[in-house]
mmCIF file of all heavy atoms, coordinates in Angstrom:
data_MODEL
# 
_entry.id   MODEL 
# 
loop_
_atom_site.group_PDB 
_atom_site.id 
_atom_site.type_symbol 
_atom_site.label_atom_id 
_atom_site.label_alt_id 
_atom_site.label_comp_id 
_atom_site.label_asym_id 
_atom_site.label_entity_id 
_atom_site.label_seq_id 
_atom_site.pdbx_PDB_ins_code 
_atom_site.Cartn_x 
_atom_site.Cartn_y 
_atom_site.Cartn_z 
_atom_site.occupancy 
_atom_site.B_iso_or_equiv 
_atom_site.pdbx_formal_charge 
_atom_site.auth_seq_id 
_atom_site.auth_comp_id 
_atom_site.auth_asym_id 
_atom_site.auth_atom_id 
_atom_site.pdbx_PDB_model_num 
ATOM 1   N N   . ILE A 1 1  ? -1.772 -8.895  -3.109  1.00 0.00 ? 1  ILE A N   1 
ATOM 2   C CA  . ILE A 1 1  ? -2.599 -7.799  -3.630  1.00 0.00 ? 1  ILE A CA  1 
ATOM 3   C C   . ILE A 1 1  ? -2.363 -6.531  -2.821  1.00 0.00 ? 1  ILE A C   1 
ATOM 4   O O   . ILE A 1 1  ? -2.394 -5.423  -3.361  1.00 0.00 ? 1  ILE A O   1 
ATOM 5   C CB  . ILE A 1 1  ? -4.100 -8.191  -3.646  1.00 0.00 ? 1  ILE A CB  1 
ATOM 6   C CG1 . ILE A 1 1  ? -4.860 -7.269  -4.608  1.00 0.00 ? 1  ILE A CG1 1 
ATOM 7   C CG2 . ILE A 1 1  ? -4.717 -8.129  -2.278  1.00 0.00 ? 1  ILE A CG2 1 
ATOM 8   C CD1 . ILE A 1 1  ? -4.528 -7.460  -6.056  1.00 0.00 ? 1  ILE A CD1 1 
ATOM 9   N N   . ALA A 1 2  ? -2.083 -6.669  -1.511  1.00 0.00 ? 2  ALA A N   1 
ATOM 10  C CA  . ALA A 1 2  ? -1.794 -5.496  -0.682  1.00 0.00 ? 2  ALA A CA  1 
ATOM 11  C C   . ALA A 1 2  ? -0.472 -4.851  -1.101  1.00 0.00 ? 2  ALA A C   1 
ATOM 12  O O   . ALA A 1 2  ? -0.348 -3.623  -1.103  1.00 0.00 ? 2  ALA A O   1 
ATOM 13  C CB  . ALA A 1 2  ? -1.753 -5.890  0.794   1.00 0.00 ? 2  ALA A CB  1 
ATOM 14  N N   . VAL A 1 3  ? 0.508  -5.670  -1.449  1.00 0.00 ? 3  VAL A N   1 
ATOM 15  C CA  . VAL A 1 3  ? 1.775  -5.136  -1.967  1.00 0.00 ? 3  VAL A CA  1 
ATOM 16  C C   . VAL A 1 3  ? 1.523  -4.383  -3.263  1.00 0.00 ? 3  VAL A C   1 
ATOM 17  O O   . VAL A 1 3  ? 2.080  -3.295  -3.489  1.00 0.00 ? 3  VAL A O   1 
ATOM 18  C CB  . VAL A 1 3  ? 2.795  -6.273  -2.186  1.00 0.00 ? 3  VAL A CB  1 
ATOM 19  C CG1 . VAL A 1 3  ? 4.029  -5.752  -2.931  1.00 0.00 ? 3  VAL A CG1 1 
ATOM 20  C CG2 . VAL A 1 3  ? 3.199  -6.900  -0.857  1.00 0.00 ? 3  VAL A CG2 1 
ATOM 21  N N   . LEU A 1 4  ? 0.668  -4.929  -4.114  1.00 0.00 ? 4  LEU A N   1 
ATOM 22  C CA  . LEU A 1 4  ? 0.342  -4.271  -5.381  1.00 0.00 ? 4  LEU A CA  1 
ATOM 23  C C   . LEU A 1 4  ? -0.309 -2.912  -5.133  1.00 0.00 ? 4  LEU A C   1 
ATOM 24  O O   . LEU A 1 4  ? -0.014 -1.941  -5.837  1.00 0.00 ? 4  LEU A O   1 
ATOM 25  C CB  . LEU A 1 4  ? -0.600 -5.169  -6.191  1.00 0.00 ? 4  LEU A CB  1 
ATOM 26  C CG  . LEU A 1 4  ? -1.063 -4.607  -7.543  1.00 0.00 ? 4  LEU A CG  1 
ATOM 27  C CD1 . LEU A 1 4  ? 0.133  -4.366  -8.460  1.00 0.00 ? 4  LEU A CD1 1 
ATOM 28  C CD2 . LEU A 1 4  ? -2.054 -5.569  -8.207  1.00 0.00 ? 4  LEU A CD2 1 
ATOM 29  N N   . PHE A 1 5  ? -1.171 -2.819  -4.130  1.00 0.00 ? 5  PHE A N   1 
ATOM 30  C CA  . PHE A 1 5  ? -1.804 -1.538  -3.808  1.00 0.00 ? 5  PHE A CA  1 
ATOM 31  C C   . PHE A 1 5  ? -0.748 -0.495  -3.430  1.00 0.00 ? 5  PHE A C   1 
ATOM 32  O O   . PHE A 1 5  ? -0.847 0.673   -3.836  1.00 0.00 ? 5  PHE A O   1 
ATOM 33  C CB  . PHE A 1 5  ? -2.787 -1.705  -2.644  1.00 0.00 ? 5  PHE A CB  1 
ATOM 34  C CG  . PHE A 1 5  ? -4.014 -2.509  -2.972  1.00 0.00 ? 5  PHE A CG  1 
ATOM 35  C CD1 . PHE A 1 5  ? -4.669 -3.231  -1.983  1.00 0.00 ? 5  PHE A CD1 1 
ATOM 36  C CD2 . PHE A 1 5  ? -4.513 -2.539  -4.260  1.00 0.00 ? 5  PHE A CD2 1 
ATOM 37  C CE1 . PHE A 1 5  ? -5.805 -3.966  -2.274  1.00 0.00 ? 5  PHE A CE1 1 
ATOM 38  C CE2 . PHE A 1 5  ? -5.654 -3.282  -4.570  1.00 0.00 ? 5  PHE A CE2 1 
ATOM 39  C CZ  . PHE A 1 5  ? -6.286 -3.988  -3.568  1.00 0.00 ? 5  PHE A CZ  1 
ATOM 40  N N   . VAL A 1 6  ? 0.262  -0.912  -2.666  1.00 0.00 ? 6  VAL A N   1 
ATOM 41  C CA  . VAL A 1 6  ? 1.328  0.008   -2.270  1.00 0.00 ? 6  VAL A CA  1 
ATOM 42  C C   . VAL A 1 6  ? 2.101  0.471   -3.498  1.00 0.00 ? 6  VAL A C   1 
ATOM 43  O O   . VAL A 1 6  ? 2.395  1.666   -3.658  1.00 0.00 ? 6  VAL A O   1 
ATOM 44  C CB  . VAL A 1 6  ? 2.276  -0.657  -1.257  1.00 0.00 ? 6  VAL A CB  1 
ATOM 45  C CG1 . VAL A 1 6  ? 3.492  0.225   -0.999  1.00 0.00 ? 6  VAL A CG1 1 
ATOM 46  C CG2 . VAL A 1 6  ? 1.548  -0.958  0.049   1.00 0.00 ? 6  VAL A CG2 1 
ATOM 47  N N   . VAL A 1 7  ? 2.416  -0.460  -4.378  1.00 0.00 ? 7  VAL A N   1 
ATOM 48  C CA  . VAL A 1 7  ? 3.170  -0.122  -5.588  1.00 0.00 ? 7  VAL A CA  1 
ATOM 49  C C   . VAL A 1 7  ? 2.378  0.847   -6.461  1.00 0.00 ? 7  VAL A C   1 
ATOM 50  O O   . VAL A 1 7  ? 2.918  1.839   -6.971  1.00 0.00 ? 7  VAL A O   1 
ATOM 51  C CB  . VAL A 1 7  ? 3.523  -1.401  -6.379  1.00 0.00 ? 7  VAL A CB  1 
ATOM 52  C CG1 . VAL A 1 7  ? 4.126  -1.048  -7.736  1.00 0.00 ? 7  VAL A CG1 1 
ATOM 53  C CG2 . VAL A 1 7  ? 4.476  -2.275  -5.575  1.00 0.00 ? 7  VAL A CG2 1 
ATOM 54  N N   . VAL A 1 8  ? 1.088  0.581   -6.640  1.00 0.00 ? 8  VAL A N   1 
ATOM 55  C CA  . VAL A 1 8  ? 0.253  1.446   -7.473  1.00 0.00 ? 8  VAL A CA  1 
ATOM 56  C C   . VAL A 1 8  ? 0.205  2.858   -6.903  1.00 0.00 ? 8  VAL A C   1 
ATOM 57  O O   . VAL A 1 8  ? 0.314  3.852   -7.635  1.00 0.00 ? 8  VAL A O   1 
ATOM 58  C CB  . VAL A 1 8  ? -1.174 0.867   -7.595  1.00 0.00 ? 8  VAL A CB  1 
ATOM 59  C CG1 . VAL A 1 8  ? -2.114 1.884   -8.224  1.00 0.00 ? 8  VAL A CG1 1 
ATOM 60  C CG2 . VAL A 1 8  ? -1.151 -0.417  -8.418  1.00 0.00 ? 8  VAL A CG2 1 
ATOM 61  N N   . ARG A 1 9  ? 0.055  2.960   -5.580  1.00 0.00 ? 9  ARG A N   1 
ATOM 62  C CA  . ARG A 1 9  ? 0.024  4.293   -4.968  1.00 0.00 ? 9  ARG A CA  1 
ATOM 63  C C   . ARG A 1 9  ? 1.368  5.000   -5.127  1.00 0.00 ? 9  ARG A C   1 
ATOM 64  O O   . ARG A 1 9  ? 1.416  6.218   -5.341  1.00 0.00 ? 9  ARG A O   1 
ATOM 65  C CB  . ARG A 1 9  ? -0.343 4.185   -3.486  1.00 0.00 ? 9  ARG A CB  1 
ATOM 66  C CG  . ARG A 1 9  ? -1.841 4.001   -3.240  1.00 0.00 ? 9  ARG A CG  1 
ATOM 67  C CD  . ARG A 1 9  ? -2.151 3.941   -1.761  1.00 0.00 ? 9  ARG A CD  1 
ATOM 68  N NE  . ARG A 1 9  ? -3.580 3.868   -1.511  1.00 0.00 ? 9  ARG A NE  1 
ATOM 69  C CZ  . ARG A 1 9  ? -4.345 4.915   -1.243  1.00 0.00 ? 9  ARG A CZ  1 
ATOM 70  N NH1 . ARG A 1 9  ? -3.798 6.117   -1.209  1.00 0.00 ? 9  ARG A NH1 1 
ATOM 71  N NH2 . ARG A 1 9  ? -5.631 4.776   -1.006  1.00 0.00 ? 9  ARG A NH2 1 
ATOM 72  N N   . ALA A 1 10 ? 2.447  4.247   -5.000  1.00 0.00 ? 10 ALA A N   1 
ATOM 73  C CA  . ALA A 1 10 ? 3.767  4.853   -5.153  1.00 0.00 ? 10 ALA A CA  1 
ATOM 74  C C   . ALA A 1 10 ? 3.974  5.345   -6.583  1.00 0.00 ? 10 ALA A C   1 
ATOM 75  O O   . ALA A 1 10 ? 4.476  6.455   -6.807  1.00 0.00 ? 10 ALA A O   1 
ATOM 76  C CB  . ALA A 1 10 ? 4.847  3.849   -4.769  1.00 0.00 ? 10 ALA A CB  1 
ATOM 77  N N   . VAL A 1 11 ? 3.589  4.538   -7.552  1.00 0.00 ? 11 VAL A N   1 
ATOM 78  C CA  . VAL A 1 11 ? 3.762  4.903   -8.961  1.00 0.00 ? 11 VAL A CA  1 
ATOM 79  C C   . VAL A 1 11 ? 2.898  6.103   -9.337  1.00 0.00 ? 11 VAL A C   1 
ATOM 80  O O   . VAL A 1 11 ? 3.323  6.992   -10.077 1.00 0.00 ? 11 VAL A O   1 
ATOM 81  C CB  . VAL A 1 11 ? 3.437  3.698   -9.861  1.00 0.00 ? 11 VAL A CB  1 
ATOM 82  C CG1 . VAL A 1 11 ? 3.373  4.122   -11.327 1.00 0.00 ? 11 VAL A CG1 1 
ATOM 83  C CG2 . VAL A 1 11 ? 4.476  2.596   -9.671  1.00 0.00 ? 11 VAL A CG2 1 
ATOM 84  N N   . THR A 1 12 ? 1.671  6.143   -8.822  1.00 0.00 ? 12 THR A N   1 
ATOM 85  C CA  . THR A 1 12 ? 0.755  7.233   -9.151  1.00 0.00 ? 12 THR A CA  1 
ATOM 86  C C   . THR A 1 12 ? 0.926  8.432   -8.228  1.00 0.00 ? 12 THR A C   1 
ATOM 87  O O   . THR A 1 12 ? 0.189  9.409   -8.333  1.00 0.00 ? 12 THR A O   1 
ATOM 88  C CB  . THR A 1 12 ? -0.703 6.743   -9.072  1.00 0.00 ? 12 THR A CB  1 
ATOM 89  O OG1 . THR A 1 12 ? -0.983 6.255   -7.750  1.00 0.00 ? 12 THR A OG1 1 
ATOM 90  C CG2 . THR A 1 12 ? -0.950 5.636   -10.077 1.00 0.00 ? 12 THR A CG2 1 
ATOM 91  N N   . ARG A 1 13 ? 1.899  8.334   -7.293  1.00 0.00 ? 13 ARG A N   1 
ATOM 92  C CA  . ARG A 1 13 ? 2.188  9.413   -6.355  1.00 0.00 ? 13 ARG A CA  1 
ATOM 93  C C   . ARG A 1 13 ? 0.955  9.806   -5.542  1.00 0.00 ? 13 ARG A C   1 
ATOM 94  O O   . ARG A 1 13 ? 0.725  10.981  -5.264  1.00 0.00 ? 13 ARG A O   1 
ATOM 95  C CB  . ARG A 1 13 ? 2.753  10.633  -7.090  1.00 0.00 ? 13 ARG A CB  1 
ATOM 96  C CG  . ARG A 1 13 ? 4.084  10.336  -7.769  1.00 0.00 ? 13 ARG A CG  1 
ATOM 97  C CD  . ARG A 1 13 ? 4.710  11.575  -8.378  1.00 0.00 ? 13 ARG A CD  1 
ATOM 98  N NE  . ARG A 1 13 ? 6.005  11.271  -8.963  1.00 0.00 ? 13 ARG A NE  1 
ATOM 99  C CZ  . ARG A 1 13 ? 6.793  12.173  -9.556  1.00 0.00 ? 13 ARG A CZ  1 
ATOM 100 N NH1 . ARG A 1 13 ? 6.396  13.442  -9.641  1.00 0.00 ? 13 ARG A NH1 1 
ATOM 101 N NH2 . ARG A 1 13 ? 7.965  11.813  -10.058 1.00 0.00 ? 13 ARG A NH2 1 
ATOM 102 N N   . SER A 1 14 ? 0.197  8.804   -5.161  1.00 0.00 ? 14 SER A N   1 
ATOM 103 C CA  . SER A 1 14 ? -0.942 9.003   -4.276  1.00 0.00 ? 14 SER A CA  1 
ATOM 104 C C   . SER A 1 14 ? -0.474 8.816   -2.838  1.00 0.00 ? 14 SER A C   1 
ATOM 105 O O   . SER A 1 14 ? 0.606  8.256   -2.606  1.00 0.00 ? 14 SER A O   1 
ATOM 106 C CB  . SER A 1 14 ? -2.044 7.985   -4.603  1.00 0.00 ? 14 SER A CB  1 
ATOM 107 O OG  . SER A 1 14 ? -2.445 8.092   -5.948  1.00 0.00 ? 14 SER A OG  1 
ATOM 108 N N   . PRO A 1 15 ? -1.261 9.275   -1.860  1.00 0.00 ? 15 PRO A N   1 
ATOM 109 C CA  . PRO A 1 15 ? -0.880 9.044   -0.447  1.00 0.00 ? 15 PRO A CA  1 
ATOM 110 C C   . PRO A 1 15 ? -0.667 7.556   -0.192  1.00 0.00 ? 15 PRO A C   1 
ATOM 111 O O   . PRO A 1 15 ? -1.572 6.746   -0.408  1.00 0.00 ? 15 PRO A O   1 
ATOM 112 C CB  . PRO A 1 15 ? -2.090 9.587   0.322   1.00 0.00 ? 15 PRO A CB  1 
ATOM 113 C CG  . PRO A 1 15 ? -2.664 10.629  -0.578  1.00 0.00 ? 15 PRO A CG  1 
ATOM 114 C CD  . PRO A 1 15 ? -2.477 10.101  -1.973  1.00 0.00 ? 15 PRO A CD  1 
ATOM 115 N N   . ILE A 1 16 ? 0.513  7.195   0.246   1.00 0.00 ? 16 ILE A N   1 
ATOM 116 C CA  . ILE A 1 16 ? 0.885  5.783   0.336   1.00 0.00 ? 16 ILE A CA  1 
ATOM 117 C C   . ILE A 1 16 ? 0.597  5.173   1.701   1.00 0.00 ? 16 ILE A C   1 
ATOM 118 O O   . ILE A 1 16 ? 0.496  3.947   1.852   1.00 0.00 ? 16 ILE A O   1 
ATOM 119 C CB  . ILE A 1 16 ? 2.381  5.617   -0.026  1.00 0.00 ? 16 ILE A CB  1 
ATOM 120 C CG1 . ILE A 1 16 ? 2.697  4.159   -0.386  1.00 0.00 ? 16 ILE A CG1 1 
ATOM 121 C CG2 . ILE A 1 16 ? 3.268  6.103   1.109   1.00 0.00 ? 16 ILE A CG2 1 
ATOM 122 C CD1 . ILE A 1 16 ? 4.093  3.975   -0.942  1.00 0.00 ? 16 ILE A CD1 1 
ATOM 123 N N   . LEU A 1 17 ? 0.451  6.026   2.719   1.00 0.00 ? 17 LEU A N   1 
ATOM 124 C CA  . LEU A 1 17 ? 0.300  5.521   4.079   1.00 0.00 ? 17 LEU A CA  1 
ATOM 125 C C   . LEU A 1 17 ? -0.896 4.577   4.260   1.00 0.00 ? 17 LEU A C   1 
ATOM 126 O O   . LEU A 1 17 ? -0.755 3.535   4.917   1.00 0.00 ? 17 LEU A O   1 
ATOM 127 C CB  . LEU A 1 17 ? 0.212  6.681   5.072   1.00 0.00 ? 17 LEU A CB  1 
ATOM 128 C CG  . LEU A 1 17 ? 0.157  6.293   6.548   1.00 0.00 ? 17 LEU A CG  1 
ATOM 129 C CD1 . LEU A 1 17 ? 1.400  5.497   6.942   1.00 0.00 ? 17 LEU A CD1 1 
ATOM 130 C CD2 . LEU A 1 17 ? 0.016  7.534   7.420   1.00 0.00 ? 17 LEU A CD2 1 
ATOM 131 N N   . PRO A 1 18 ? -2.093 4.880   3.701   1.00 0.00 ? 18 PRO A N   1 
ATOM 132 C CA  . PRO A 1 18 ? -3.211 3.952   3.891   1.00 0.00 ? 18 PRO A CA  1 
ATOM 133 C C   . PRO A 1 18 ? -2.912 2.546   3.384   1.00 0.00 ? 18 PRO A C   1 
ATOM 134 O O   . PRO A 1 18 ? -3.255 1.550   4.032   1.00 0.00 ? 18 PRO A O   1 
ATOM 135 C CB  . PRO A 1 18 ? -4.351 4.604   3.091   1.00 0.00 ? 18 PRO A CB  1 
ATOM 136 C CG  . PRO A 1 18 ? -4.013 6.052   3.059   1.00 0.00 ? 18 PRO A CG  1 
ATOM 137 C CD  . PRO A 1 18 ? -2.518 6.098   2.975   1.00 0.00 ? 18 PRO A CD  1 
ATOM 138 N N   . ALA A 1 19 ? -2.265 2.465   2.218   1.00 0.00 ? 19 ALA A N   1 
ATOM 139 C CA  . ALA A 1 19 ? -1.945 1.154   1.662   1.00 0.00 ? 19 ALA A CA  1 
ATOM 140 C C   . ALA A 1 19 ? -0.873 0.447   2.493   1.00 0.00 ? 19 ALA A C   1 
ATOM 141 O O   . ALA A 1 19 ? -0.918 -0.772  2.670   1.00 0.00 ? 19 ALA A O   1 
ATOM 142 C CB  . ALA A 1 19 ? -1.486 1.295   0.211   1.00 0.00 ? 19 ALA A CB  1 
ATOM 143 N N   . VAL A 1 20 ? 0.085  1.204   3.024   1.00 0.00 ? 20 VAL A N   1 
ATOM 144 C CA  . VAL A 1 20 ? 1.140  0.603   3.848   1.00 0.00 ? 20 VAL A CA  1 
ATOM 145 C C   . VAL A 1 20 ? 0.549  0.059   5.140   1.00 0.00 ? 20 VAL A C   1 
ATOM 146 O O   . VAL A 1 20 ? 0.882  -1.053  5.576   1.00 0.00 ? 20 VAL A O   1 
ATOM 147 C CB  . VAL A 1 20 ? 2.245  1.628   4.144   1.00 0.00 ? 20 VAL A CB  1 
ATOM 148 C CG1 . VAL A 1 20 ? 3.229  1.078   5.178   1.00 0.00 ? 20 VAL A CG1 1 
ATOM 149 C CG2 . VAL A 1 20 ? 2.982  2.005   2.865   1.00 0.00 ? 20 VAL A CG2 1 
ATOM 150 N N   . VAL A 1 21 ? -0.344 0.836   5.764   1.00 0.00 ? 21 VAL A N   1 
ATOM 151 C CA  . VAL A 1 21 ? -0.992 0.369   6.988   1.00 0.00 ? 21 VAL A CA  1 
ATOM 152 C C   . VAL A 1 21 ? -1.794 -0.901  6.712   1.00 0.00 ? 21 VAL A C   1 
ATOM 153 O O   . VAL A 1 21 ? -1.761 -1.864  7.490   1.00 0.00 ? 21 VAL A O   1 
ATOM 154 C CB  . VAL A 1 21 ? -1.908 1.469   7.562   1.00 0.00 ? 21 VAL A CB  1 
ATOM 155 C CG1 . VAL A 1 21 ? -2.757 0.922   8.705   1.00 0.00 ? 21 VAL A CG1 1 
ATOM 156 C CG2 . VAL A 1 21 ? -1.081 2.652   8.043   1.00 0.00 ? 21 VAL A CG2 1 
ATOM 157 N N   . GLY A 1 22 ? -2.505 -0.901  5.596   1.00 0.00 ? 22 GLY A N   1 
ATOM 158 C CA  . GLY A 1 22 ? -3.262 -2.095  5.220   1.00 0.00 ? 22 GLY A CA  1 
ATOM 159 C C   . GLY A 1 22 ? -2.360 -3.298  5.007   1.00 0.00 ? 22 GLY A C   1 
ATOM 160 O O   . GLY A 1 22 ? -2.679 -4.408  5.446   1.00 0.00 ? 22 GLY A O   1 
ATOM 161 N N   . LEU A 1 23 ? -1.235 -3.070  4.334   1.00 0.00 ? 23 LEU A N   1 
ATOM 162 C CA  . LEU A 1 23 ? -0.283 -4.157  4.087   1.00 0.00 ? 23 LEU A CA  1 
ATOM 163 C C   . LEU A 1 23 ? 0.263  -4.715  5.389   1.00 0.00 ? 23 LEU A C   1 
ATOM 164 O O   . LEU A 1 23 ? 0.374  -5.942  5.550   1.00 0.00 ? 23 LEU A O   1 
ATOM 165 C CB  . LEU A 1 23 ? 0.857  -3.654  3.205   1.00 0.00 ? 23 LEU A CB  1 
ATOM 166 C CG  . LEU A 1 23 ? 2.028  -4.614  2.996   1.00 0.00 ? 23 LEU A CG  1 
ATOM 167 C CD1 . LEU A 1 23 ? 1.565  -5.907  2.347   1.00 0.00 ? 23 LEU A CD1 1 
ATOM 168 C CD2 . LEU A 1 23 ? 3.127  -3.945  2.155   1.00 0.00 ? 23 LEU A CD2 1 
ATOM 169 N N   . VAL A 1 24 ? 0.606  -3.844  6.329   1.00 0.00 ? 24 VAL A N   1 
ATOM 170 C CA  . VAL A 1 24 ? 1.149  -4.305  7.608   1.00 0.00 ? 24 VAL A CA  1 
ATOM 171 C C   . VAL A 1 24 ? 0.132  -5.182  8.331   1.00 0.00 ? 24 VAL A C   1 
ATOM 172 O O   . VAL A 1 24 ? 0.466  -6.253  8.859   1.00 0.00 ? 24 VAL A O   1 
ATOM 173 C CB  . VAL A 1 24 ? 1.561  -3.106  8.488   1.00 0.00 ? 24 VAL A CB  1 
ATOM 174 C CG1 . VAL A 1 24 ? 1.901  -3.565  9.902   1.00 0.00 ? 24 VAL A CG1 1 
ATOM 175 C CG2 . VAL A 1 24 ? 2.745  -2.372  7.877   1.00 0.00 ? 24 VAL A CG2 1 
ATOM 176 N N   . GLY A 1 25 ? -1.117 -4.734  8.366   1.00 0.00 ? 25 GLY A N   1 
ATOM 177 C CA  . GLY A 1 25 ? -2.159 -5.512  9.026   1.00 0.00 ? 25 GLY A CA  1 
ATOM 178 C C   . GLY A 1 25 ? -2.384 -6.865  8.377   1.00 0.00 ? 25 GLY A C   1 
ATOM 179 O O   . GLY A 1 25 ? -2.495 -7.894  9.063   1.00 0.00 ? 25 GLY A O   1 
ATOM 180 N N   . ILE A 1 26 ? -2.433 -6.880  7.051   1.00 0.00 ? 26 ILE A N   1 
ATOM 181 C CA  . ILE A 1 26 ? -2.647 -8.129  6.324   1.00 0.00 ? 26 ILE A CA  1 
ATOM 182 C C   . ILE A 1 26 ? -1.463 -9.068  6.503   1.00 0.00 ? 26 ILE A C   1 
ATOM 183 O O   . ILE A 1 26 ? -1.630 -10.286 6.679   1.00 0.00 ? 26 ILE A O   1 
ATOM 184 C CB  . ILE A 1 26 ? -2.895 -7.830  4.829   1.00 0.00 ? 26 ILE A CB  1 
ATOM 185 C CG1 . ILE A 1 26 ? -4.242 -7.106  4.663   1.00 0.00 ? 26 ILE A CG1 1 
ATOM 186 C CG2 . ILE A 1 26 ? -2.890 -9.111  3.997   1.00 0.00 ? 26 ILE A CG2 1 
ATOM 187 C CD1 . ILE A 1 26 ? -4.464 -6.554  3.276   1.00 0.00 ? 26 ILE A CD1 1 
ATOM 188 N N   . ALA A 1 27 ? -0.247 -8.508  6.471   1.00 0.00 ? 27 ALA A N   1 
ATOM 189 C CA  . ALA A 1 27 ? 0.955  -9.335  6.627   1.00 0.00 ? 27 ALA A CA  1 
ATOM 190 C C   . ALA A 1 27 ? 1.029  -9.945  8.029   1.00 0.00 ? 27 ALA A C   1 
ATOM 191 O O   . ALA A 1 27 ? 1.376  -11.124 8.192   1.00 0.00 ? 27 ALA A O   1 
ATOM 192 C CB  . ALA A 1 27 ? 2.195  -8.503  6.334   1.00 0.00 ? 27 ALA A CB  1 
ATOM 193 N N   . LEU A 1 28 ? 0.709  -9.151  9.051   1.00 0.00 ? 28 LEU A N   1 
ATOM 194 C CA  . LEU A 1 28 ? 0.726  -9.680  10.416  1.00 0.00 ? 28 LEU A CA  1 
ATOM 195 C C   . LEU A 1 28 ? -0.307 -10.796 10.587  1.00 0.00 ? 28 LEU A C   1 
ATOM 196 O O   . LEU A 1 28 ? -0.041 -11.828 11.212  1.00 0.00 ? 28 LEU A O   1 
ATOM 197 C CB  . LEU A 1 28 ? 0.452  -8.561  11.416  1.00 0.00 ? 28 LEU A CB  1 
ATOM 198 C CG  . LEU A 1 28 ? 1.580  -7.544  11.621  1.00 0.00 ? 28 LEU A CG  1 
ATOM 199 C CD1 . LEU A 1 28 ? 1.119  -6.412  12.532  1.00 0.00 ? 28 LEU A CD1 1 
ATOM 200 C CD2 . LEU A 1 28 ? 2.822  -8.216  12.188  1.00 0.00 ? 28 LEU A CD2 1 
# 
């Protein structure tokens, strides 16, 4: 779901950094 958040932000051209930081934390 965190990967999906990153993809959605990228597609909608929203600030992507918050989702990427979240993904890194969840993945670790």
